[in-house]
Amino acid sequence: MQYRHGFLRMVYCAYLSVANHMVNRIPFNSVRCFFYRWVYFVKIGRGSAIHMGVRMHRPRWISIGHHTLINPQCTLDGRRRLTIGNNVDIAAQTAIFTLGHDLQDPAYEVIGKAVVIEDYACIFSRATILPGVRIGQGAAVAAGSVVTRDVEPYTIVAGNPARKIGERNRDLSYTLRHGFYFH
């Protein structure tokens, strides 16, 4: 039984490795999204783009809305579910985690919670979103911020840990269009 479990784990790791080292290098968004949808079971809405170099953990539990942009070299962690809404702009090198370790536990146990990013949110480059966080509708996360708790709708946050620095316009109605990208 132990052998079978080890073999299945190895097969699953190889399956994910292909997504994170081959599929994410395909130079056409439509082809990448085809593989993510039909081989890795990522729910991807109409008009969304996942740029080259995006890494995914447990892609089956990742859901991406319509007209959402995931820019290069982002990390999307679906191990405890990741839901990204419509018209969300996630800039390059952003990391979104749903799983971590309990630092106070003597056994260093794994803990985690789902992350939800609501419609019209924007997350700027190199931001880090930690497990259990909800980014409210229309909220903005500044570059390099570390988000450790929920962000209220239409709030702008920055820093480590991220704190409110302003408010965003509440009359958002745009549709993100990625155009004809090769990456």
Protein backbone atom coordinates (compact mmCIF):
# COMPACT_ATOMS: atom_id res chain seq x y z
CA MET A 1 0.00 0.00 0.00
CA GLN A 2 2.83 2.38 0.87
CA TYR A 3 4.41 1.71 -2.53
CA ARG A 4 1.17 2.56 -4.35
CA HIS A 5 0.77 5.82 -2.40
CA GLY A 6 4.37 6.82 -3.21
CA PHE A 7 3.90 5.97 -6.89
CA LEU A 8 0.65 7.94 -7.17
CA ARG A 9 2.28 10.92 -5.46
CA MET A 10 5.15 10.76 -7.94
CA VAL A 11 2.71 10.67 -10.88
CA TYR A 12 0.77 13.64 -9.48
CA CYS A 13 3.99 15.62 -8.97
CA ALA A 14 5.01 14.89 -12.58
CA TYR A 15 1.54 16.01 -13.76
CA LEU A 16 1.94 19.35 -11.92
CA SER A 17 5.52 19.70 -13.06
CA VAL A 18 4.40 19.64 -16.69
CA ALA A 19 1.99 22.53 -15.96
CA ASN A 20 4.62 24.55 -14.12
CA HIS A 21 7.56 23.88 -16.44
CA MET A 22 6.09 23.30 -19.89
CA VAL A 23 2.49 24.51 -20.25
CA ASN A 24 3.33 27.85 -18.63
CA ARG A 25 5.96 28.42 -21.36
CA ILE A 26 3.61 28.01 -24.31
CA PRO A 27 3.74 31.37 -26.13
CA PHE A 28 -0.01 31.60 -26.89
CA ASN A 29 -2.58 32.42 -24.21
CA SER A 30 -5.36 30.47 -25.94
CA VAL A 31 -3.26 27.29 -26.04
CA ARG A 32 -2.11 27.71 -22.42
CA CYS A 33 -5.70 28.27 -21.28
CA PHE A 34 -6.83 25.20 -23.24
CA PHE A 35 -4.40 23.03 -21.28
CA TYR A 36 -5.24 24.70 -17.96
CA ARG A 37 -8.99 24.20 -18.57
CA TRP A 38 -9.08 20.70 -20.04
CA VAL A 39 -6.02 18.97 -18.57
CA TYR A 40 -5.62 20.76 -15.22
CA PHE A 41 -9.32 21.64 -14.66
CA VAL A 42 -8.76 25.31 -13.79
CA LYS A 43 -12.02 27.24 -14.12
CA ILE A 44 -11.14 30.16 -16.40
CA GLY A 45 -13.71 32.73 -17.47
CA ARG A 46 -14.22 34.20 -20.92
CA GLY A 47 -11.64 36.77 -22.01
CA SER A 48 -9.15 36.01 -19.23
CA ALA A 49 -5.39 35.75 -19.79
CA ILE A 50 -2.79 33.78 -17.89
CA HIS A 51 0.61 34.99 -19.00
CA MET A 52 3.74 32.89 -19.36
CA GLY A 53 5.60 31.76 -16.27
CA VAL A 54 2.62 31.48 -13.89
CA ARG A 55 3.08 28.66 -11.35
CA MET A 56 0.11 26.81 -9.88
CA HIS A 57 -0.31 24.54 -6.88
CA ARG A 58 -3.38 22.29 -7.01
CA PRO A 59 -4.76 23.97 -10.16
CA ARG A 60 -8.04 22.02 -9.98
CA TRP A 61 -9.10 24.23 -7.03
CA ILE A 62 -8.37 27.53 -8.75
CA SER A 63 -11.23 29.53 -10.25
CA ILE A 64 -10.62 32.64 -12.38
CA GLY A 65 -13.46 34.92 -13.51
CA HIS A 66 -14.11 36.69 -16.82
CA HIS A 67 -11.70 39.30 -18.25
CA THR A 68 -9.10 38.73 -15.56
CA LEU A 69 -5.38 39.19 -16.16
CA ILE A 70 -2.76 37.08 -14.41
CA ASN A 71 0.62 38.54 -15.37
CA PRO A 72 3.99 36.72 -15.68
CA GLN A 73 5.68 34.82 -12.86
CA CYS A 74 2.76 34.85 -10.44
CA THR A 75 2.22 31.99 -7.99
CA LEU A 76 -1.37 30.79 -7.59
CA ASP A 77 -1.95 28.35 -4.73
CA GLY A 78 -5.18 26.38 -4.96
CA ARG A 79 -4.43 23.85 -2.21
CA ARG A 80 -7.21 25.31 -0.01
CA ARG A 81 -9.15 26.92 -2.89
CA LEU A 82 -8.42 30.17 -4.68
CA THR A 83 -11.25 32.18 -6.20
CA ILE A 84 -10.46 35.19 -8.38
CA GLY A 85 -13.37 37.33 -9.63
CA ASN A 86 -14.11 39.19 -12.87
CA ASN A 87 -11.98 42.07 -14.19
CA VAL A 88 -9.22 41.42 -11.67
CA ASP A 89 -5.71 42.61 -12.58
CA ILE A 90 -2.88 40.72 -10.88
CA ALA A 91 0.55 42.16 -11.71
CA ALA A 92 3.80 40.27 -12.25
CA GLN A 93 5.47 38.25 -9.52
CA THR A 94 2.50 38.33 -7.17
CA ALA A 95 2.23 35.34 -4.82
CA ILE A 96 -1.12 34.16 -3.50
CA PHE A 97 -0.93 31.41 -0.86
CA THR A 98 -3.71 29.33 0.69
CA LEU A 99 -1.48 27.05 2.76
CA GLY A 100 1.29 27.52 5.31
CA HIS A 101 2.57 26.12 8.62
CA ASP A 102 1.60 26.80 12.22
CA LEU A 103 4.74 28.32 13.71
CA GLN A 104 3.51 27.72 17.28
CA ASP A 105 2.80 24.01 16.74
CA PRO A 106 5.61 21.72 17.95
CA ALA A 107 4.92 19.45 14.95
CA TYR A 108 4.91 22.45 12.53
CA GLU A 109 1.51 21.35 11.23
CA VAL A 110 0.11 22.54 7.92
CA ILE A 111 -2.68 25.11 8.18
CA GLY A 112 -4.54 27.04 5.54
CA LYS A 113 -7.71 28.65 4.33
CA ALA A 114 -9.21 29.67 1.02
CA VAL A 115 -8.38 33.03 -0.55
CA VAL A 116 -11.02 35.09 -2.37
CA ILE A 117 -10.27 38.06 -4.62
CA GLU A 118 -13.48 39.83 -5.61
CA ASP A 119 -14.39 41.64 -8.87
CA TYR A 120 -12.42 44.72 -10.01
CA ALA A 121 -9.64 44.21 -7.47
CA CYS A 122 -6.11 45.04 -8.56
CA ILE A 123 -2.96 43.67 -7.04
CA PHE A 124 0.31 45.31 -8.01
CA SER A 125 3.72 43.69 -8.57
CA ARG A 126 5.36 41.49 -5.98
CA ALA A 127 2.47 41.63 -3.52
CA THR A 128 1.98 38.60 -1.28
CA ILE A 129 -1.48 37.43 -0.21
CA LEU A 130 -1.51 35.03 2.77
CA PRO A 131 -4.01 32.22 3.55
CA GLY A 132 -7.57 33.06 4.52
CA VAL A 133 -7.59 36.59 3.09
CA ARG A 134 -10.51 38.15 1.21
CA ILE A 135 -9.70 41.08 -1.08
CA GLY A 136 -12.94 43.06 -1.42
CA GLN A 137 -14.55 44.29 -4.61
CA GLY A 138 -12.59 47.12 -6.23
CA ALA A 139 -9.82 47.00 -3.61
CA ALA A 140 -6.20 47.73 -4.57
CA VAL A 141 -3.05 46.22 -3.08
CA ALA A 142 0.13 48.28 -3.61
CA ALA A 143 3.35 46.81 -4.98
CA GLY A 144 5.39 44.78 -2.52
CA SER A 145 2.64 44.65 0.10
CA VAL A 146 2.05 41.65 2.35
CA VAL A 147 -1.66 41.13 2.97
CA THR A 148 -2.28 39.27 6.22
CA ARG A 149 -5.96 40.11 6.78
CA ASP A 150 -9.08 40.96 4.77
CA VAL A 151 -9.14 44.11 2.65
CA GLU A 152 -12.46 45.98 2.63
CA PRO A 153 -14.11 46.80 -0.73
CA TYR A 154 -12.69 49.85 -2.58
CA THR A 155 -9.85 50.20 -0.08
CA ILE A 156 -6.23 50.81 -1.10
CA VAL A 157 -3.68 49.06 1.11
CA ALA A 158 0.13 49.15 1.20
CA GLY A 159 3.01 47.97 3.34
CA ASN A 160 4.13 44.97 5.36
CA PRO A 161 1.73 44.16 6.86
CA ALA A 162 -0.65 45.92 4.49
CA ARG A 163 -2.61 48.82 5.98
CA LYS A 164 -5.23 51.16 4.55
CA ILE A 165 -3.78 54.20 2.79
CA GLY A 166 -6.79 55.38 0.81
CA GLU A 167 -10.08 54.73 -0.97
CA ARG A 168 -10.74 53.81 -4.59
CA ASN A 169 -13.49 55.12 -6.85
CA ARG A 170 -16.68 53.07 -6.37
CA ASP A 171 -18.03 53.64 -9.90
CA LEU A 172 -15.92 50.95 -11.61
CA SER A 173 -17.36 49.57 -14.82
CA TYR A 174 -14.38 48.71 -17.04
CA THR A 175 -13.72 45.40 -18.78
CA LEU A 176 -10.10 44.31 -18.88
CA ARG A 177 -8.96 43.23 -22.33
CA HIS A 178 -5.66 41.53 -22.82
CA GLY A 179 -5.55 42.02 -26.58
CA PHE A 180 -3.31 39.79 -28.66
CA TYR A 181 -0.53 38.69 -26.34
CA PHE A 182 2.23 36.23 -27.09
CA HIS A 183 3.03 35.88 -23.38
